[in-house]
Amino acid sequence: MTDTWTDVAFAVWDGAAEERDGMKSVANFIALDIEPEPLGPRGGFPRWPLLAVLGAWVLLAAFVAIDLPRARG
């Protein structure tokens, strides 16, 4: 297996400190280690985000349906 690490640094612009264009704060380099994780028995796509979004839509639709008669009356 090959190495799974690389050096990274981040640059951040702070407008309050009058940093603009190429003027910015730069972090020191740090080592970023990325290890691949094996996929679970069902594959690589988790289903919970989809269920959470669908649940949020159902709750939103229920609140709108409950509030509509009050808004009209």
N, C-alpha and C. Protein backbone atom coordinates (compact mmCIF):
# COMPACT_ATOMS: atom_id res chain seq x y z
N MET A 1 0.85 -1.18 0.00
CA MET A 1 0.00 0.00 0.00
C MET A 1 0.90 1.24 0.00
N THR A 2 0.47 2.25 -0.69
CA THR A 2 1.24 3.49 -0.75
C THR A 2 0.94 4.36 0.46
N ASP A 3 1.74 5.41 0.62
CA ASP A 3 1.50 6.34 1.71
C ASP A 3 0.15 7.02 1.55
N THR A 4 -0.53 7.23 2.65
CA THR A 4 -1.85 7.86 2.60
C THR A 4 -1.84 9.22 3.29
N TRP A 5 -0.66 9.85 3.36
CA TRP A 5 -0.61 11.17 3.98
C TRP A 5 0.00 12.18 3.03
N THR A 6 -0.35 13.43 3.27
CA THR A 6 0.18 14.53 2.47
C THR A 6 0.24 15.77 3.35
N ASP A 7 1.03 16.75 2.98
CA ASP A 7 1.10 18.01 3.71
C ASP A 7 0.04 18.96 3.18
N VAL A 8 -0.66 19.65 4.10
CA VAL A 8 -1.67 20.62 3.72
C VAL A 8 -1.47 21.90 4.53
N ALA A 9 -1.93 23.02 3.98
CA ALA A 9 -1.98 24.29 4.69
C ALA A 9 -3.22 25.02 4.20
N PHE A 10 -3.72 25.93 5.01
CA PHE A 10 -4.94 26.65 4.67
C PHE A 10 -4.67 28.15 4.68
N ALA A 11 -5.29 28.85 3.74
CA ALA A 11 -5.19 30.30 3.67
C ALA A 11 -6.57 30.88 3.95
N VAL A 12 -6.62 31.90 4.80
CA VAL A 12 -7.89 32.49 5.20
C VAL A 12 -7.81 34.00 5.03
N TRP A 13 -8.82 34.56 4.36
CA TRP A 13 -8.91 36.01 4.22
C TRP A 13 -9.75 36.55 5.36
N ASP A 14 -9.27 37.60 6.01
CA ASP A 14 -10.00 38.26 7.09
C ASP A 14 -10.24 39.70 6.67
N GLY A 15 -11.45 40.00 6.23
CA GLY A 15 -11.77 41.34 5.74
C GLY A 15 -11.66 42.39 6.82
N ALA A 16 -11.95 42.03 8.08
CA ALA A 16 -11.85 43.00 9.17
C ALA A 16 -10.41 43.43 9.40
N ALA A 17 -9.45 42.60 9.04
CA ALA A 17 -8.03 42.93 9.17
C ALA A 17 -7.48 43.52 7.87
N GLU A 18 -8.41 43.94 6.98
CA GLU A 18 -8.07 44.54 5.69
C GLU A 18 -7.23 43.62 4.81
N GLU A 19 -7.46 42.32 4.94
CA GLU A 19 -6.80 41.36 4.06
C GLU A 19 -7.66 41.20 2.81
N ARG A 20 -7.05 41.32 1.65
CA ARG A 20 -7.77 41.20 0.39
C ARG A 20 -6.79 40.75 -0.68
N ASP A 21 -7.32 40.34 -1.83
CA ASP A 21 -6.51 39.88 -2.94
C ASP A 21 -5.53 38.82 -2.46
N GLY A 22 -4.23 39.07 -2.59
CA GLY A 22 -3.22 38.10 -2.18
C GLY A 22 -2.80 38.22 -0.73
N MET A 23 -3.31 39.25 -0.02
CA MET A 23 -2.95 39.43 1.39
C MET A 23 -3.86 38.56 2.23
N LYS A 24 -3.31 37.60 2.94
CA LYS A 24 -4.11 36.68 3.75
C LYS A 24 -3.25 36.05 4.82
N SER A 25 -3.91 35.41 5.77
CA SER A 25 -3.22 34.66 6.80
C SER A 25 -3.03 33.23 6.32
N VAL A 26 -1.86 32.66 6.52
CA VAL A 26 -1.57 31.31 6.06
C VAL A 26 -1.13 30.47 7.25
N ALA A 27 -1.69 29.28 7.34
CA ALA A 27 -1.34 28.36 8.42
C ALA A 27 -0.04 27.63 8.09
N ASN A 28 0.58 27.07 9.10
CA ASN A 28 1.74 26.21 8.89
C ASN A 28 1.29 24.91 8.24
N PHE A 29 2.21 24.24 7.56
CA PHE A 29 1.88 22.94 6.98
C PHE A 29 1.67 21.93 8.10
N ILE A 30 0.66 21.09 7.92
CA ILE A 30 0.42 19.98 8.84
C ILE A 30 0.27 18.72 8.01
N ALA A 31 0.50 17.57 8.64
CA ALA A 31 0.36 16.29 7.94
C ALA A 31 -1.09 15.84 8.01
N LEU A 32 -1.67 15.54 6.86
CA LEU A 32 -3.03 15.03 6.77
C LEU A 32 -2.95 13.56 6.41
N ASP A 33 -3.47 12.72 7.29
CA ASP A 33 -3.42 11.27 7.09
C ASP A 33 -4.81 10.78 6.73
N ILE A 34 -4.94 10.20 5.55
CA ILE A 34 -6.22 9.69 5.08
C ILE A 34 -6.11 8.19 4.91
N GLU A 35 -6.87 7.48 5.72
CA GLU A 35 -6.89 6.03 5.65
C GLU A 35 -8.20 5.58 5.02
N PRO A 36 -8.15 4.76 4.00
CA PRO A 36 -9.40 4.27 3.41
C PRO A 36 -10.10 3.32 4.36
N GLU A 37 -11.42 3.48 4.46
CA GLU A 37 -12.21 2.57 5.29
C GLU A 37 -12.93 1.58 4.38
N PRO A 38 -12.95 0.33 4.75
CA PRO A 38 -13.68 -0.65 3.92
C PRO A 38 -15.18 -0.37 3.97
N LEU A 39 -15.86 -0.69 2.89
CA LEU A 39 -17.30 -0.51 2.83
C LEU A 39 -17.98 -1.51 3.74
N GLY A 40 -19.14 -1.13 4.24
CA GLY A 40 -19.91 -2.01 5.10
C GLY A 40 -20.55 -3.13 4.29
N PRO A 41 -21.28 -4.00 4.94
CA PRO A 41 -21.88 -5.14 4.24
C PRO A 41 -22.94 -4.73 3.22
N ARG A 42 -23.59 -3.53 3.38
CA ARG A 42 -24.62 -3.09 2.45
C ARG A 42 -24.07 -2.21 1.34
N GLY A 43 -22.79 -1.94 1.33
CA GLY A 43 -22.23 -1.06 0.32
C GLY A 43 -21.80 0.26 0.93
N GLY A 44 -21.57 1.26 0.07
CA GLY A 44 -20.99 2.49 0.54
C GLY A 44 -21.94 3.64 0.73
N PHE A 45 -23.22 3.53 0.36
CA PHE A 45 -24.12 4.66 0.47
C PHE A 45 -24.97 4.53 1.73
N PRO A 46 -24.81 5.47 2.68
CA PRO A 46 -25.66 5.40 3.87
C PRO A 46 -27.07 5.87 3.55
N ARG A 47 -28.05 5.22 4.11
CA ARG A 47 -29.44 5.55 3.80
C ARG A 47 -30.02 6.59 4.74
N TRP A 48 -29.39 6.85 5.90
CA TRP A 48 -29.99 7.74 6.87
C TRP A 48 -30.12 9.18 6.38
N PRO A 49 -29.21 9.74 5.54
CA PRO A 49 -29.45 11.12 5.08
C PRO A 49 -30.72 11.24 4.24
N LEU A 50 -30.97 10.26 3.41
CA LEU A 50 -32.18 10.29 2.59
C LEU A 50 -33.43 10.21 3.47
N LEU A 51 -33.40 9.34 4.47
CA LEU A 51 -34.54 9.23 5.38
C LEU A 51 -34.74 10.50 6.19
N ALA A 52 -33.67 11.16 6.58
CA ALA A 52 -33.78 12.41 7.34
C ALA A 52 -34.41 13.50 6.49
N VAL A 53 -34.00 13.62 5.23
CA VAL A 53 -34.58 14.63 4.34
C VAL A 53 -36.05 14.34 4.08
N LEU A 54 -36.39 13.10 3.83
CA LEU A 54 -37.80 12.74 3.61
C LEU A 54 -38.64 13.01 4.86
N GLY A 55 -38.10 12.70 6.02
CA GLY A 55 -38.82 12.97 7.27
C GLY A 55 -39.04 14.46 7.48
N ALA A 56 -38.03 15.28 7.16
CA ALA A 56 -38.17 16.73 7.29
C ALA A 56 -39.25 17.25 6.35
N TRP A 57 -39.31 16.72 5.13
CA TRP A 57 -40.35 17.14 4.18
C TRP A 57 -41.74 16.75 4.68
N VAL A 58 -41.87 15.58 5.26
CA VAL A 58 -43.17 15.14 5.78
C VAL A 58 -43.61 16.05 6.94
N LEU A 59 -42.68 16.39 7.85
CA LEU A 59 -43.01 17.28 8.95
C LEU A 59 -43.39 18.67 8.44
N LEU A 60 -42.66 19.18 7.47
CA LEU A 60 -42.97 20.49 6.90
C LEU A 60 -44.35 20.49 6.25
N ALA A 61 -44.66 19.45 5.50
CA ALA A 61 -45.98 19.35 4.87
C ALA A 61 -47.08 19.27 5.92
N ALA A 62 -46.84 18.57 7.02
CA ALA A 62 -47.84 18.47 8.08
C ALA A 62 -48.07 19.83 8.74
N PHE A 63 -47.00 20.57 9.02
CA PHE A 63 -47.16 21.88 9.64
C PHE A 63 -47.88 22.85 8.71
N VAL A 64 -47.59 22.80 7.42
CA VAL A 64 -48.26 23.67 6.46
C VAL A 64 -49.74 23.30 6.37
N ALA A 65 -50.06 22.01 6.35
CA ALA A 65 -51.44 21.57 6.26
C ALA A 65 -52.23 21.95 7.50
N ILE A 66 -51.60 21.92 8.67
CA ILE A 66 -52.28 22.30 9.91
C ILE A 66 -52.48 23.81 9.97
N ASP A 67 -51.52 24.57 9.48
CA ASP A 67 -51.58 26.03 9.61
C ASP A 67 -52.47 26.68 8.55
N LEU A 68 -52.72 26.03 7.41
CA LEU A 68 -53.53 26.64 6.37
C LEU A 68 -54.95 26.97 6.81
N PRO A 69 -55.67 26.08 7.48
CA PRO A 69 -57.03 26.45 7.92
C PRO A 69 -57.04 27.63 8.88
N ARG A 70 -56.03 27.74 9.76
CA ARG A 70 -55.96 28.87 10.69
C ARG A 70 -55.69 30.17 9.96
N ALA A 71 -54.86 30.13 8.92
CA ALA A 71 -54.53 31.33 8.18
C ALA A 71 -55.73 31.83 7.37
N ARG A 72 -56.56 30.94 6.88
CA ARG A 72 -57.73 31.32 6.09
C ARG A 72 -58.89 31.79 6.96
N GLY A 73 -58.97 31.25 8.17
CA GLY A 73 -60.12 31.51 9.03
C GLY A 73 -59.98 32.71 9.84
